[in-house]
C-alpha atoms as a PDB file:
ATOM      1  CA  UNK A   1      41.767 -67.357 -17.281  1.00  0.00           C
ATOM      2  CA  UNK A   2      43.334 -70.610 -16.077  1.00  0.00           C
ATOM      3  CA  UNK A   3      46.903 -69.370 -15.688  1.00  0.00           C
ATOM      4  CA  UNK A   4      49.048 -70.768 -12.906  1.00  0.00           C
ATOM      5  CA  UNK A   5      52.231 -69.141 -11.567  1.00  0.00           C
ATOM      6  CA  UNK A   6      54.694 -70.010  -8.842  1.00  0.00           C
ATOM      7  CA  UNK A   7      54.542 -68.460  -5.407  1.00  0.00           C
ATOM      8  CA  UNK A   8      58.006 -66.982  -5.968  1.00  0.00           C
ATOM      9  CA  UNK A   9      56.814 -65.238  -9.155  1.00  0.00           C
ATOM     10  CA  UNK A  10      53.904 -63.673  -7.276  1.00  0.00           C
ATOM     11  CA  UNK A  11      56.318 -62.640  -4.497  1.00  0.00           C
ATOM     12  CA  UNK A  12      58.531 -60.929  -7.104  1.00  0.00           C
ATOM     13  CA  UNK A  13      55.514 -59.025  -8.466  1.00  0.00           C
ATOM     14  CA  UNK A  14      54.532 -57.942  -4.951  1.00  0.00           C
ATOM     15  CA  UNK A  15      58.041 -56.676  -4.227  1.00  0.00           C
ATOM     16  CA  UNK A  16      57.993 -54.728  -7.485  1.00  0.00           C
ATOM     17  CA  UNK A  17      54.592 -53.163  -6.786  1.00  0.00           C
ATOM     18  CA  UNK A  18      55.152 -52.367  -3.086  1.00  0.00           C
ATOM     19  CA  UNK A  19      58.859 -51.503  -3.435  1.00  0.00           C
ATOM     20  CA  UNK A  20      59.415 -53.461  -0.192  1.00  0.00           C
ATOM     21  CA  UNK A  21      60.845 -56.826   0.761  1.00  0.00           C
ATOM     22  CA  UNK A  22      58.079 -59.432   1.057  1.00  0.00           C
ATOM     23  CA  UNK A  23      58.005 -62.533   3.244  1.00  0.00           C
ATOM     24  CA  UNK A  24      55.774 -65.555   2.656  1.00  0.00           C
ATOM     25  CA  UNK A  25      54.056 -66.866   5.787  1.00  0.00           C
ATOM     26  CA  UNK A  26      51.769 -69.879   5.905  1.00  0.00           C
ATOM     27  CA  UNK A  27      49.198 -70.002   8.702  1.00  0.00           C
ATOM     28  CA  UNK A  28      46.311 -72.255   9.551  1.00  0.00           C
ATOM     29  CA  UNK A  29      43.651 -72.700  12.179  1.00  0.00           C
ATOM     30  CA  UNK A  30      40.936 -75.321  12.586  1.00  0.00           C
ATOM     31  CA  UNK A  31      39.063 -74.176   9.489  1.00  0.00           C
ATOM     32  CA  UNK A  32      41.401 -72.433   7.038  1.00  0.00           C
ATOM     33  CA  UNK A  33      44.924 -72.455   5.674  1.00  0.00           C
ATOM     34  CA  UNK A  34      46.264 -69.128   4.404  1.00  0.00           C
ATOM     35  CA  UNK A  35      49.393 -68.010   2.602  1.00  0.00           C
ATOM     36  CA  UNK A  36      50.271 -64.431   3.536  1.00  0.00           C
ATOM     37  CA  UNK A  37      52.638 -62.142   1.681  1.00  0.00           C
ATOM     38  CA  UNK A  38      53.732 -59.661   4.355  1.00  0.00           C
ATOM     39  CA  UNK A  39      56.439 -57.090   4.986  1.00  0.00           C
ATOM     40  CA  UNK A  40      59.130 -58.036   7.533  1.00  0.00           C
ATOM     41  CA  UNK A  41      57.816 -55.618  10.168  1.00  0.00           C
ATOM     42  CA  UNK A  42      54.365 -57.265  10.277  1.00  0.00           C
ATOM     43  CA  UNK A  43      53.957 -59.545  13.268  1.00  0.00           C
ATOM     44  CA  UNK A  44      50.961 -61.781  12.649  1.00  0.00           C
ATOM     45  CA  UNK A  45      50.274 -64.634  15.025  1.00  0.00           C
ATOM     46  CA  UNK A  46      46.712 -65.786  14.342  1.00  0.00           C
ATOM     47  CA  UNK A  47      43.538 -65.104  12.378  1.00  0.00           C
ATOM     48  CA  UNK A  48      39.821 -65.733  12.352  1.00  0.00           C
ATOM     49  CA  UNK A  49      37.206 -65.472   9.631  1.00  0.00           C
ATOM     50  CA  UNK A  50      34.293 -63.137  10.302  1.00  0.00           C
ATOM     51  CA  UNK A  51      31.225 -63.359   8.057  1.00  0.00           C
ATOM     52  CA  UNK A  52      30.910 -59.558   7.841  1.00  0.00           C
ATOM     53  CA  UNK A  53      34.538 -58.393   7.796  1.00  0.00           C
ATOM     54  CA  UNK A  54      36.368 -61.358   6.268  1.00  0.00           C
ATOM     55  CA  UNK A  55      39.726 -62.390   7.712  1.00  0.00           C
ATOM     56  CA  UNK A  56      40.851 -60.594  10.870  1.00  0.00           C
ATOM     57  CA  UNK A  57      44.512 -60.970  11.790  1.00  0.00           C
ATOM     58  CA  UNK A  58      46.040 -60.653  15.266  1.00  0.00           C
ATOM     59  CA  UNK A  59      49.575 -59.929  16.443  1.00  0.00           C
ATOM     60  CA  UNK A  60      51.513 -61.753  19.170  1.00  0.00           C
ATOM     61  CA  UNK A  61      49.683 -59.822  21.898  1.00  0.00           C
ATOM     62  CA  UNK A  62      46.203 -60.598  20.543  1.00  0.00           C
ATOM     63  CA  UNK A  63      45.651 -57.098  19.154  1.00  0.00           C
ATOM     64  CA  UNK A  64      44.024 -56.862  15.696  1.00  0.00           C
ATOM     65  CA  UNK A  65      46.517 -55.924  12.966  1.00  0.00           C
ATOM     66  CA  UNK A  66      45.640 -52.527  11.483  1.00  0.00           C
ATOM     67  CA  UNK A  67      48.108 -52.639   8.562  1.00  0.00           C
ATOM     68  CA  UNK A  68      46.870 -53.811   5.206  1.00  0.00           C
ATOM     69  CA  UNK A  69      48.381 -57.131   4.223  1.00  0.00           C
ATOM     70  CA  UNK A  70      49.717 -56.933   0.650  1.00  0.00           C
ATOM     71  CA  UNK A  71      48.312 -60.318  -0.418  1.00  0.00           C
ATOM     72  CA  UNK A  72      46.335 -63.112   1.251  1.00  0.00           C
ATOM     73  CA  UNK A  73      45.753 -66.424  -0.515  1.00  0.00           C
ATOM     74  CA  UNK A  74      43.416 -69.112   0.766  1.00  0.00           C
ATOM     75  CA  UNK A  75      43.829 -72.782  -0.078  1.00  0.00           C
ATOM     76  CA  UNK A  76      41.277 -72.219  -2.870  1.00  0.00           C
ATOM     77  CA  UNK A  77      43.719 -70.005  -4.791  1.00  0.00           C
ATOM     78  CA  UNK A  78      46.517 -72.577  -4.580  1.00  0.00           C
ATOM     79  CA  UNK A  79      46.961 -75.745  -6.583  1.00  0.00           C
ATOM     80  CA  UNK A  80      49.914 -78.067  -6.050  1.00  0.00           C
ATOM     81  CA  UNK A  81      52.007 -75.275  -4.546  1.00  0.00           C
ATOM     82  CA  UNK A  82      51.243 -72.793  -7.317  1.00  0.00           C
ATOM     83  CA  UNK A  83      48.904 -69.801  -7.501  1.00  0.00           C
ATOM     84  CA  UNK A  84      45.797 -69.936  -9.708  1.00  0.00           C
ATOM     85  CA  UNK A  85      45.210 -66.594 -11.418  1.00  0.00           C
ATOM     86  CA  UNK A  86      41.446 -67.025 -11.664  1.00  0.00           C
ATOM     87  CA  UNK A  87      40.490 -63.469 -10.764  1.00  0.00           C
ATOM     88  CA  UNK A  88      40.476 -63.925  -6.981  1.00  0.00           C
ATOM     89  CA  UNK A  89      44.100 -62.922  -6.407  1.00  0.00           C
ATOM     90  CA  UNK A  90      44.399 -59.373  -5.094  1.00  0.00           C
ATOM     91  CA  UNK A  91      47.404 -57.190  -4.377  1.00  0.00           C
ATOM     92  CA  UNK A  92      46.755 -54.361  -1.936  1.00  0.00           C
ATOM     93  CA  UNK A  93      43.022 -54.988  -2.315  1.00  0.00           C
ATOM     94  CA  UNK A  94      43.011 -54.710  -6.120  1.00  0.00           C
ATOM     95  CA  UNK A  95      42.678 -57.475  -8.681  1.00  0.00           C
ATOM     96  CA  UNK A  96      45.652 -58.172 -10.931  1.00  0.00           C
ATOM     97  CA  UNK A  97      45.853 -55.912 -13.967  1.00  0.00           C
ATOM     98  CA  UNK A  98      46.731 -57.068 -17.475  1.00  0.00           C
ATOM     99  CA  UNK A  99      50.220 -55.619 -16.941  1.00  0.00           C
ATOM    100  CA  UNK A 100      50.613 -57.644 -13.734  1.00  0.00           C
ATOM    101  CA  UNK A 101      49.611 -60.859 -15.483  1.00  0.00           C
ATOM    102  CA  UNK A 102      51.945 -60.084 -18.386  1.00  0.00           C
ATOM    103  CA  UNK A 103      54.819 -59.499 -15.917  1.00  0.00           C
ATOM    104  CA  UNK A 104      54.091 -62.845 -14.228  1.00  0.00           C
ATOM    105  CA  UNK A 105      54.074 -64.639 -17.573  1.00  0.00           C
ATOM    106  CA  UNK A 106      57.420 -63.072 -18.507  1.00  0.00           C
ATOM    107  CA  UNK A 107      59.206 -64.144 -15.326  1.00  0.00           C
ATOM    108  CA  UNK A 108      57.746 -67.662 -15.313  1.00  0.00           C
END
């Protein structure tokens, strides 16, 4: 599957699935650049990558964020400002279903 969709289309799908407003936040550190799709009440200030646990996010006070982040995209999932639907994109920890991909194709 080599489909590509816009970030705004993925944001629309996330809002539909979570029934919440979604914000797009871009963060980077010395090693990675991430695009986060978060709810407005999530305060995320930094992140690290742990070999065992994956990405760990921290709030403004340096406390690990316990809430699940609806969608996290690394620079590998992005191409020229668009999202590659190559099977690595997850919403709430689950891969996109056929219905999700069909919805994205309809709104593109």
